[in-house]
Amino acid sequence: MVITVLYYVLSAYIAFIIIWNLIKSKKWQDEILYIIILIPFILRLLRLK
C-alpha cells in the first residue's frame, strides 16, 4: 500500500515538473515534446496503463 502511494506521488511530481516546463517553454517543438512525455504520467495518475 505504501509503495503504491509513493508511486502515485512520484508520478504526480514528475507530471507537475513536466507541466511547469511546458508552461515556461517558448518553442512549439518543445511544447509538443512535453505533451508527448506527459501522456503516460497522466494515464498512470488516472490508473490507466
PDB file of N, CA and C in Angstrom:
ATOM      1  N   MET A   1       0.824  -1.203   0.000  1.00  0.00           N
ATOM      2  CA  MET A   1       0.000   0.000   0.000  1.00  0.00           C
ATOM      3  C   MET A   1       0.867   1.265   0.000  1.00  0.00           C
ATOM      4  N   VAL A   2       1.897   1.262   0.825  1.00  0.00           N
ATOM      5  CA  VAL A   2       2.779   2.429   0.909  1.00  0.00           C
ATOM      6  C   VAL A   2       3.508   2.630  -0.409  1.00  0.00           C
ATOM      7  N   ILE A   3       3.943   1.534  -1.026  1.00  0.00           N
ATOM      8  CA  ILE A   3       4.658   1.635  -2.293  1.00  0.00           C
ATOM      9  C   ILE A   3       3.739   2.195  -3.376  1.00  0.00           C
ATOM     10  N   THR A   4       2.491   1.804  -3.367  1.00  0.00           N
ATOM     11  CA  THR A   4       1.532   2.307  -4.348  1.00  0.00           C
ATOM     12  C   THR A   4       1.325   3.808  -4.184  1.00  0.00           C
ATOM     13  N   VAL A   5       1.195   4.255  -2.957  1.00  0.00           N
ATOM     14  CA  VAL A   5       1.007   5.688  -2.695  1.00  0.00           C
ATOM     15  C   VAL A   5       2.249   6.458  -3.130  1.00  0.00           C
ATOM     16  N   LEU A   6       3.428   5.954  -2.806  1.00  0.00           N
ATOM     17  CA  LEU A   6       4.662   6.622  -3.216  1.00  0.00           C
ATOM     18  C   LEU A   6       4.793   6.657  -4.734  1.00  0.00           C
ATOM     19  N   TYR A   7       4.366   5.596  -5.397  1.00  0.00           N
ATOM     20  CA  TYR A   7       4.400   5.544  -6.861  1.00  0.00           C
ATOM     21  C   TYR A   7       3.537   6.649  -7.460  1.00  0.00           C
ATOM     22  N   TYR A   8       2.331   6.828  -6.938  1.00  0.00           N
ATOM     23  CA  TYR A   8       1.445   7.858  -7.472  1.00  0.00           C
ATOM     24  C   TYR A   8       1.924   9.262  -7.105  1.00  0.00           C
ATOM     25  N   VAL A   9       2.504   9.423  -5.944  1.00  0.00           N
ATOM     26  CA  VAL A   9       3.054  10.730  -5.561  1.00  0.00           C
ATOM     27  C   VAL A   9       4.222  11.083  -6.478  1.00  0.00           C
ATOM     28  N   LEU A  10       5.088  10.129  -6.745  1.00  0.00           N
ATOM     29  CA  LEU A  10       6.221  10.370  -7.637  1.00  0.00           C
ATOM     30  C   LEU A  10       5.736  10.668  -9.059  1.00  0.00           C
ATOM     31  N   SER A  11       4.739   9.955  -9.527  1.00  0.00           N
ATOM     32  CA  SER A  11       4.181  10.216 -10.858  1.00  0.00           C
ATOM     33  C   SER A  11       3.564  11.610 -10.926  1.00  0.00           C
ATOM     34  N   ALA A  12       2.873  12.009  -9.882  1.00  0.00           N
ATOM     35  CA  ALA A  12       2.271  13.346  -9.847  1.00  0.00           C
ATOM     36  C   ALA A  12       3.348  14.426  -9.829  1.00  0.00           C
ATOM     37  N   TYR A  13       4.423  14.190  -9.083  1.00  0.00           N
ATOM     38  CA  TYR A  13       5.512  15.162  -9.013  1.00  0.00           C
ATOM     39  C   TYR A  13       6.181  15.327 -10.378  1.00  0.00           C
ATOM     40  N   ILE A  14       6.460  14.229 -11.046  1.00  0.00           N
ATOM     41  CA  ILE A  14       7.091  14.298 -12.362  1.00  0.00           C
ATOM     42  C   ILE A  14       6.153  14.967 -13.366  1.00  0.00           C
ATOM     43  N   ALA A  15       4.866  14.661 -13.296  1.00  0.00           N
ATOM     44  CA  ALA A  15       3.891  15.305 -14.180  1.00  0.00           C
ATOM     45  C   ALA A  15       3.847  16.808 -13.925  1.00  0.00           C
ATOM     46  N   PHE A  16       3.924  17.214 -12.657  1.00  0.00           N
ATOM     47  CA  PHE A  16       3.934  18.641 -12.316  1.00  0.00           C
ATOM     48  C   PHE A  16       5.167  19.328 -12.903  1.00  0.00           C
ATOM     49  N   ILE A  17       6.327  18.691 -12.807  1.00  0.00           N
ATOM     50  CA  ILE A  17       7.558  19.265 -13.357  1.00  0.00           C
ATOM     51  C   ILE A  17       7.454  19.405 -14.876  1.00  0.00           C
ATOM     52  N   ILE A  18       6.886  18.403 -15.525  1.00  0.00           N
ATOM     53  CA  ILE A  18       6.725  18.462 -16.982  1.00  0.00           C
ATOM     54  C   ILE A  18       5.759  19.580 -17.368  1.00  0.00           C
ATOM     55  N   ILE A  19       4.666  19.718 -16.627  1.00  0.00           N
ATOM     56  CA  ILE A  19       3.705  20.798 -16.904  1.00  0.00           C
ATOM     57  C   ILE A  19       4.350  22.159 -16.677  1.00  0.00           C
ATOM     58  N   TRP A  20       5.156  22.272 -15.637  1.00  0.00           N
ATOM     59  CA  TRP A  20       5.851  23.531 -15.349  1.00  0.00           C
ATOM     60  C   TRP A  20       6.778  23.902 -16.510  1.00  0.00           C
ATOM     61  N   ASN A  21       7.530  22.917 -17.018  1.00  0.00           N
ATOM     62  CA  ASN A  21       8.404  23.170 -18.165  1.00  0.00           C
ATOM     63  C   ASN A  21       7.598  23.484 -19.417  1.00  0.00           C
ATOM     64  N   LEU A  22       6.435  22.865 -19.568  1.00  0.00           N
ATOM     65  CA  LEU A  22       5.566  23.146 -20.706  1.00  0.00           C
ATOM     66  C   LEU A  22       5.091  24.600 -20.680  1.00  0.00           C
ATOM     67  N   ILE A  23       4.741  25.088 -19.520  1.00  0.00           N
ATOM     68  CA  ILE A  23       4.279  26.473 -19.390  1.00  0.00           C
ATOM     69  C   ILE A  23       5.413  27.459 -19.683  1.00  0.00           C
ATOM     70  N   LYS A  24       6.618  27.140 -19.242  1.00  0.00           N
ATOM     71  CA  LYS A  24       7.762  28.031 -19.435  1.00  0.00           C
ATOM     72  C   LYS A  24       8.325  27.990 -20.850  1.00  0.00           C
ATOM     73  N   SER A  25       8.007  26.955 -21.596  1.00  0.00           N
ATOM     74  CA  SER A  25       8.590  26.761 -22.916  1.00  0.00           C
ATOM     75  C   SER A  25       8.122  27.826 -23.895  1.00  0.00           C
ATOM     76  N   LYS A  26       9.022  28.221 -24.778  1.00  0.00           N
ATOM     77  CA  LYS A  26       8.701  29.224 -25.796  1.00  0.00           C
ATOM     78  C   LYS A  26       8.604  28.620 -27.193  1.00  0.00           C
ATOM     79  N   LYS A  27       9.295  27.501 -27.420  1.00  0.00           N
ATOM     80  CA  LYS A  27       9.299  26.898 -28.748  1.00  0.00           C
ATOM     81  C   LYS A  27       8.192  25.854 -28.854  1.00  0.00           C
ATOM     82  N   TRP A  28       7.499  25.844 -29.967  1.00  0.00           N
ATOM     83  CA  TRP A  28       6.379  24.916 -30.123  1.00  0.00           C
ATOM     84  C   TRP A  28       6.838  23.471 -30.243  1.00  0.00           C
ATOM     85  N   GLN A  29       8.072  23.248 -30.731  1.00  0.00           N
ATOM     86  CA  GLN A  29       8.587  21.884 -30.813  1.00  0.00           C
ATOM     87  C   GLN A  29       8.784  21.296 -29.420  1.00  0.00           C
ATOM     88  N   ASP A  30       9.284  22.111 -28.504  1.00  0.00           N
ATOM     89  CA  ASP A  30       9.466  21.652 -27.126  1.00  0.00           C
ATOM     90  C   ASP A  30       8.118  21.392 -26.450  1.00  0.00           C
ATOM     91  N   GLU A  31       7.134  22.232 -26.747  1.00  0.00           N
ATOM     92  CA  GLU A  31       5.810  22.042 -26.148  1.00  0.00           C
ATOM     93  C   GLU A  31       5.191  20.724 -26.589  1.00  0.00           C
ATOM     94  N   ILE A  32       5.343  20.378 -27.864  1.00  0.00           N
ATOM     95  CA  ILE A  32       4.812  19.099 -28.366  1.00  0.00           C
ATOM     96  C   ILE A  32       5.527  17.941 -27.686  1.00  0.00           C
ATOM     97  N   LEU A  33       6.839  18.058 -27.535  1.00  0.00           N
ATOM     98  CA  LEU A  33       7.619  17.016 -26.877  1.00  0.00           C
ATOM     99  C   LEU A  33       7.163  16.833 -25.426  1.00  0.00           C
ATOM    100  N   TYR A  34       6.951  17.921 -24.702  1.00  0.00           N
ATOM    101  CA  TYR A  34       6.488  17.835 -23.312  1.00  0.00           C
ATOM    102  C   TYR A  34       5.110  17.180 -23.230  1.00  0.00           C
ATOM    103  N   ILE A  35       4.234  17.489 -24.162  1.00  0.00           N
ATOM    104  CA  ILE A  35       2.898  16.884 -24.155  1.00  0.00           C
ATOM    105  C   ILE A  35       2.983  15.381 -24.395  1.00  0.00           C
ATOM    106  N   ILE A  36       3.850  14.976 -25.325  1.00  0.00           N
ATOM    107  CA  ILE A  36       4.011  13.543 -25.600  1.00  0.00           C
ATOM    108  C   ILE A  36       4.574  12.829 -24.376  1.00  0.00           C
ATOM    109  N   ILE A  37       5.516  13.452 -23.687  1.00  0.00           N
ATOM    110  CA  ILE A  37       6.103  12.853 -22.485  1.00  0.00           C
ATOM    111  C   ILE A  37       5.084  12.820 -21.348  1.00  0.00           C
ATOM    112  N   LEU A  38       4.198  13.794 -21.299  1.00  0.00           N
ATOM    113  CA  LEU A  38       3.242  13.918 -20.199  1.00  0.00           C
ATOM    114  C   LEU A  38       2.126  12.875 -20.251  1.00  0.00           C
ATOM    115  N   ILE A  39       1.775  12.414 -21.422  1.00  0.00           N
ATOM    116  CA  ILE A  39       0.640  11.498 -21.591  1.00  0.00           C
ATOM    117  C   ILE A  39       0.739  10.249 -20.708  1.00  0.00           C
ATOM    118  N   PRO A  40       1.868   9.518 -20.670  1.00  0.00           N
ATOM    119  CA  PRO A  40       1.907   8.327 -19.810  1.00  0.00           C
ATOM    120  C   PRO A  40       1.747   8.634 -18.320  1.00  0.00           C
ATOM    121  N   PHE A  41       2.257   9.779 -17.885  1.00  0.00           N
ATOM    122  CA  PHE A  41       2.131  10.127 -16.469  1.00  0.00           C
ATOM    123  C   PHE A  41       0.686  10.455 -16.107  1.00  0.00           C
ATOM    124  N   ILE A  42      -0.031  11.128 -17.006  1.00  0.00           N
ATOM    125  CA  ILE A  42      -1.444  11.410 -16.758  1.00  0.00           C
ATOM    126  C   ILE A  42      -2.239  10.115 -16.731  1.00  0.00           C
ATOM    127  N   LEU A  43      -1.917   9.194 -17.645  1.00  0.00           N
ATOM    128  CA  LEU A  43      -2.621   7.907 -17.654  1.00  0.00           C
ATOM    129  C   LEU A  43      -2.351   7.106 -16.375  1.00  0.00           C
ATOM    130  N   ARG A  44      -1.132   7.181 -15.864  1.00  0.00           N
ATOM    131  CA  ARG A  44      -0.830   6.479 -14.608  1.00  0.00           C
ATOM    132  C   ARG A  44      -1.596   7.088 -13.438  1.00  0.00           C
ATOM    133  N   LEU A  45      -1.705   8.416 -13.427  1.00  0.00           N
ATOM    134  CA  LEU A  45      -2.436   9.059 -12.336  1.00  0.00           C
ATOM    135  C   LEU A  45      -3.926   8.740 -12.398  1.00  0.00           C
ATOM    136  N   LEU A  46      -4.426   8.506 -13.600  1.00  0.00           N
ATOM    137  CA  LEU A  46      -5.831   8.113 -13.763  1.00  0.00           C
ATOM    138  C   LEU A  46      -6.032   6.616 -13.625  1.00  0.00           C
ATOM    139  N   ARG A  47      -4.937   5.917 -13.306  1.00  0.00           N
ATOM    140  CA  ARG A  47      -4.910   4.455 -13.108  1.00  0.00           C
ATOM    141  C   ARG A  47      -5.258   3.682 -14.366  1.00  0.00           C
ATOM    142  N   LEU A  48      -4.872   4.251 -15.494  1.00  0.00           N
ATOM    143  CA  LEU A  48      -4.968   3.559 -16.784  1.00  0.00           C
ATOM    144  C   LEU A  48      -3.551   3.246 -17.222  1.00  0.00           C
ATOM    145  N   LYS A  49      -3.329   2.062 -17.736  1.00  0.00           N
ATOM    146  CA  LYS A  49      -1.959   1.737 -18.136  1.00  0.00           C
ATOM    147  C   LYS A  49      -1.898   1.574 -19.587  1.00  0.00           C
TER     148      LYS A  49
END
